[in-house]
Structures are given as C-alpha cells and as structure tokens.
N, C-alpha and C. Protein backbone atom coordinates (compact mmCIF):
# COMPACT_ATOMS: atom_id res chain seq x y z
N UNK A 1 0.13 2.72 0.63
CA UNK A 1 -1.02 3.14 1.77
C UNK A 1 -1.19 4.70 1.49
N UNK A 2 -2.58 5.07 1.50
CA UNK A 2 -2.82 6.50 1.11
C UNK A 2 -3.34 6.93 2.52
N UNK A 3 -3.76 8.27 2.52
CA UNK A 3 -4.13 8.82 3.81
C UNK A 3 -5.29 8.10 4.22
N UNK A 4 -6.38 7.55 3.56
CA UNK A 4 -7.38 7.12 4.32
C UNK A 4 -6.91 5.61 5.01
N UNK A 5 -6.13 4.96 4.24
CA UNK A 5 -5.49 3.83 4.89
C UNK A 5 -4.75 4.03 6.06
N UNK A 6 -4.10 5.14 6.07
CA UNK A 6 -3.25 5.37 7.17
C UNK A 6 -4.20 5.70 8.61
N UNK A 7 -5.43 6.58 8.22
CA UNK A 7 -6.13 6.90 9.15
C UNK A 7 -6.91 5.50 9.94
N UNK A 8 -7.22 4.82 8.87
CA UNK A 8 -7.95 3.48 9.39
C UNK A 8 -6.91 2.58 10.52
N UNK A 9 -5.54 2.64 9.90
CA UNK A 9 -4.53 2.00 10.86
C UNK A 9 -4.50 2.73 12.20
N UNK A 10 -4.52 3.93 12.22
CA UNK A 10 -4.37 4.65 13.42
C UNK A 10 -5.85 4.43 14.31
N UNK A 11 -6.87 4.55 13.55
CA UNK A 11 -8.04 4.45 14.41
C UNK A 11 -8.27 2.89 14.97
N UNK A 12 -7.74 2.00 14.51
CA UNK A 12 -7.72 0.53 14.82
C UNK A 12 -6.62 0.19 15.94
N UNK A 13 -5.53 0.94 16.13
CA UNK A 13 -4.50 0.38 17.13
C UNK A 13 -5.11 0.46 18.43
N UNK A 14 -4.40 -0.69 19.14
CA UNK A 14 -4.80 -1.08 20.24
C UNK A 14 -3.52 -1.40 21.30
N UNK A 15 -3.99 -1.60 22.69
CA UNK A 15 -2.98 -1.99 23.45
C UNK A 15 -2.18 -3.06 23.07
N UNK A 16 -2.54 -4.03 22.58
CA UNK A 16 -2.09 -4.99 21.99
C UNK A 16 -1.17 -5.01 20.88
N UNK A 17 -1.15 -3.61 20.06
CA UNK A 17 -0.27 -3.35 19.35
C UNK A 17 0.89 -2.49 19.83
N UNK A 18 0.82 -1.88 21.16
CA UNK A 18 1.95 -1.19 21.40
C UNK A 18 3.25 -2.19 21.74
N UNK A 19 4.36 -1.54 21.33
CA UNK A 19 5.70 -2.06 21.34
C UNK A 19 6.47 -1.40 22.45
N UNK A 20 6.64 -0.08 22.37
CA UNK A 20 7.75 0.58 23.20
C UNK A 20 7.46 1.94 23.02
N UNK A 21 8.10 2.56 24.15
CA UNK A 21 8.28 4.23 24.23
C UNK A 21 9.71 4.26 24.17
N UNK A 22 10.19 5.33 23.20
CA UNK A 22 11.66 5.57 23.08
C UNK A 22 11.46 7.27 22.90
N UNK A 23 12.71 7.72 23.44
CA UNK A 23 12.85 9.14 23.43
C UNK A 23 13.66 9.48 22.24
N UNK A 24 13.16 10.40 21.69
CA UNK A 24 13.85 10.74 20.31
C UNK A 24 15.13 11.46 20.61
N UNK A 25 15.99 10.99 19.90
CA UNK A 25 17.52 11.55 19.96
C UNK A 25 17.80 12.93 19.50
N UNK A 26 16.63 13.41 18.60
CA UNK A 26 16.74 14.72 17.99
C UNK A 26 15.82 15.74 18.82
N UNK A 27 14.59 15.52 19.33
CA UNK A 27 14.08 16.32 19.99
C UNK A 27 13.69 16.33 21.58
N UNK A 28 14.12 15.06 22.10
CA UNK A 28 14.06 14.61 23.37
C UNK A 28 12.69 14.21 23.66
N UNK A 29 11.72 14.32 22.80
CA UNK A 29 10.12 14.01 23.06
C UNK A 29 10.11 12.17 22.96
N UNK A 30 9.12 11.82 23.62
CA UNK A 30 8.87 10.50 23.65
C UNK A 30 8.06 9.93 22.54
N UNK A 31 8.34 9.12 21.65
CA UNK A 31 7.72 8.42 20.47
C UNK A 31 7.20 7.06 21.26
N UNK A 32 6.06 6.84 20.86
CA UNK A 32 4.99 5.79 21.06
C UNK A 32 5.09 4.69 19.83
N UNK A 33 5.72 3.51 20.13
CA UNK A 33 5.99 2.72 18.90
C UNK A 33 4.85 1.74 18.88
N UNK A 34 4.06 1.41 17.93
CA UNK A 34 2.93 0.56 17.73
C UNK A 34 3.63 -0.55 16.70
N UNK A 35 3.07 -1.81 16.73
CA UNK A 35 3.67 -2.67 15.65
C UNK A 35 2.13 -3.59 15.12
N UNK A 36 1.28 -2.89 14.51
CA UNK A 36 0.12 -3.70 13.92
C UNK A 36 0.24 -4.18 12.87
N UNK A 37 -0.36 -5.47 12.56
CA UNK A 37 -0.11 -6.26 11.13
C UNK A 37 -1.63 -5.68 10.14
N UNK A 38 -1.32 -5.45 9.25
CA UNK A 38 -2.15 -5.06 8.34
C UNK A 38 -2.11 -5.60 6.84
N UNK A 39 -3.20 -6.35 6.53
CA UNK A 39 -3.37 -7.01 5.37
C UNK A 39 -1.80 -8.05 5.22
N UNK A 40 -1.70 -8.70 6.31
CA UNK A 40 -0.53 -9.76 6.57
C UNK A 40 0.80 -8.89 6.54
N UNK A 41 0.80 -7.94 6.65
CA UNK A 41 1.92 -6.80 6.61
C UNK A 41 2.55 -6.55 7.87
N UNK A 42 3.51 -6.67 8.59
CA UNK A 42 3.99 -5.96 9.76
C UNK A 42 4.03 -4.42 9.49
N UNK A 43 3.56 -3.61 10.25
CA UNK A 43 3.92 -2.03 10.35
C UNK A 43 4.58 -1.82 11.53
N UNK A 44 5.49 -0.63 11.37
CA UNK A 44 6.10 0.06 12.69
C UNK A 44 5.63 1.30 12.69
N UNK A 45 4.88 1.69 13.42
CA UNK A 45 4.27 3.02 13.50
C UNK A 45 4.61 3.76 14.78
N UNK A 46 5.03 5.03 14.68
CA UNK A 46 5.64 6.01 15.70
C UNK A 46 4.68 7.25 15.75
N UNK A 47 4.54 7.26 16.96
CA UNK A 47 3.45 8.82 17.21
C UNK A 47 4.29 9.45 18.23
N UNK A 48 4.23 10.66 17.92
CA UNK A 48 4.79 11.66 18.67
C UNK A 48 3.51 12.97 19.14
N UNK A 49 3.26 12.94 20.27
CA UNK A 49 2.07 13.69 20.71
C UNK A 49 2.47 14.97 21.18
N UNK A 50 1.99 16.05 20.44
CA UNK A 50 2.29 17.55 21.06
C UNK A 50 0.93 18.22 21.27
N UNK A 51 1.29 19.40 22.08
CA UNK A 51 -0.16 19.95 22.47
C UNK A 51 -1.03 20.39 21.29
N UNK A 52 -0.47 20.83 20.11
CA UNK A 52 -0.91 21.23 19.00
C UNK A 52 -1.04 20.41 17.62
N UNK A 53 -0.81 18.93 17.87
CA UNK A 53 -0.67 18.26 16.70
C UNK A 53 -0.09 17.14 17.13
N UNK A 54 -0.18 16.17 16.26
CA UNK A 54 0.42 14.54 16.23
C UNK A 54 1.16 14.16 15.10
N UNK A 55 2.50 13.79 15.53
CA UNK A 55 3.45 13.39 14.33
C UNK A 55 3.16 11.84 14.08
N UNK A 56 3.16 11.45 13.12
CA UNK A 56 2.91 10.05 12.73
C UNK A 56 4.08 9.36 11.57
N UNK A 57 4.74 8.19 12.00
CA UNK A 57 5.58 7.82 10.98
C UNK A 57 5.24 6.34 10.75
N UNK A 58 5.09 5.85 9.51
CA UNK A 58 4.72 4.65 9.20
C UNK A 58 6.02 3.95 8.32
N UNK A 59 6.38 2.66 8.71
CA UNK A 59 7.25 2.11 8.07
C UNK A 59 6.85 0.39 7.87
N UNK A 60 7.27 -0.08 7.13
CA UNK A 60 7.11 -1.47 6.84
C UNK A 60 8.09 -2.34 7.63
N UNK A 61 7.66 -3.11 8.52
CA UNK A 61 8.62 -3.97 9.39
C UNK A 61 9.17 -5.12 8.18
N UNK A 62 10.49 -5.17 8.03
CA UNK A 62 10.89 -5.85 7.22
C UNK A 62 12.34 -6.64 7.46
N UNK A 63 12.70 -6.72 8.99
CA UNK A 63 13.67 -7.38 9.62
C UNK A 63 13.32 -8.58 10.14
N UNK A 64 14.07 -9.57 10.04
CA UNK A 64 13.66 -10.68 10.84
C UNK A 64 13.50 -10.81 12.29
N UNK A 65 14.00 -9.73 12.90
CA UNK A 65 13.69 -9.61 14.44
C UNK A 65 12.54 -8.61 14.85
N UNK A 66 11.79 -8.18 13.48
CA UNK A 66 10.71 -7.53 13.53
C UNK A 66 10.89 -5.93 14.11
N UNK A 67 12.05 -5.42 13.77
CA UNK A 67 12.32 -4.00 14.16
C UNK A 67 12.10 -3.33 12.64
N UNK A 68 12.41 -2.11 12.96
CA UNK A 68 12.30 -1.23 11.99
C UNK A 68 13.06 -1.51 10.90
N UNK A 69 12.84 -1.69 9.39
CA UNK A 69 13.92 -1.60 8.59
C UNK A 69 14.01 -0.46 7.72
N UNK A 70 14.52 -0.43 6.52
CA UNK A 70 14.79 0.90 5.86
C UNK A 70 13.91 1.14 5.04
N UNK A 71 12.58 0.66 5.07
CA UNK A 71 11.48 0.88 4.19
C UNK A 71 10.98 2.22 4.41
C-alpha cells in the first residue's frame, strides 16, 4: 500500500469497522482499532489521536482469529 491507498482506507473507515479501544502499554494513550477489508484482505488499523497530530499503524490481518499478526 502506498500513501494514497492508506489515505483512502482512512477516509472510508466507518463505525462498522471499529473493533476495539486499547491503552498503549508504552505511552498510556488510547489506541482505536479498526478492522476494514480492502480488496479481500483484512487490515488491522490503529489510530492514536493527539492534539497536534494523528498516529496511524497499518498491519495485515494474518491470523485465524482475526487478530494482528506479525506482518
């Protein structure tokens, strides 16, 4: 995925894609987890919202239970 693809995924996230809210073990910040499907592939998208920026992490869902894999 390139930057444009990532922006398109973020633009199309919906409440139906929301999976969880977890606290970062490192910073204590809340991470919002979404699991959209793109071109038949499950993604694991984590967002951290800060006052001056947004951190985004994309991973391919590659485990049988649908959790984040090592990709």
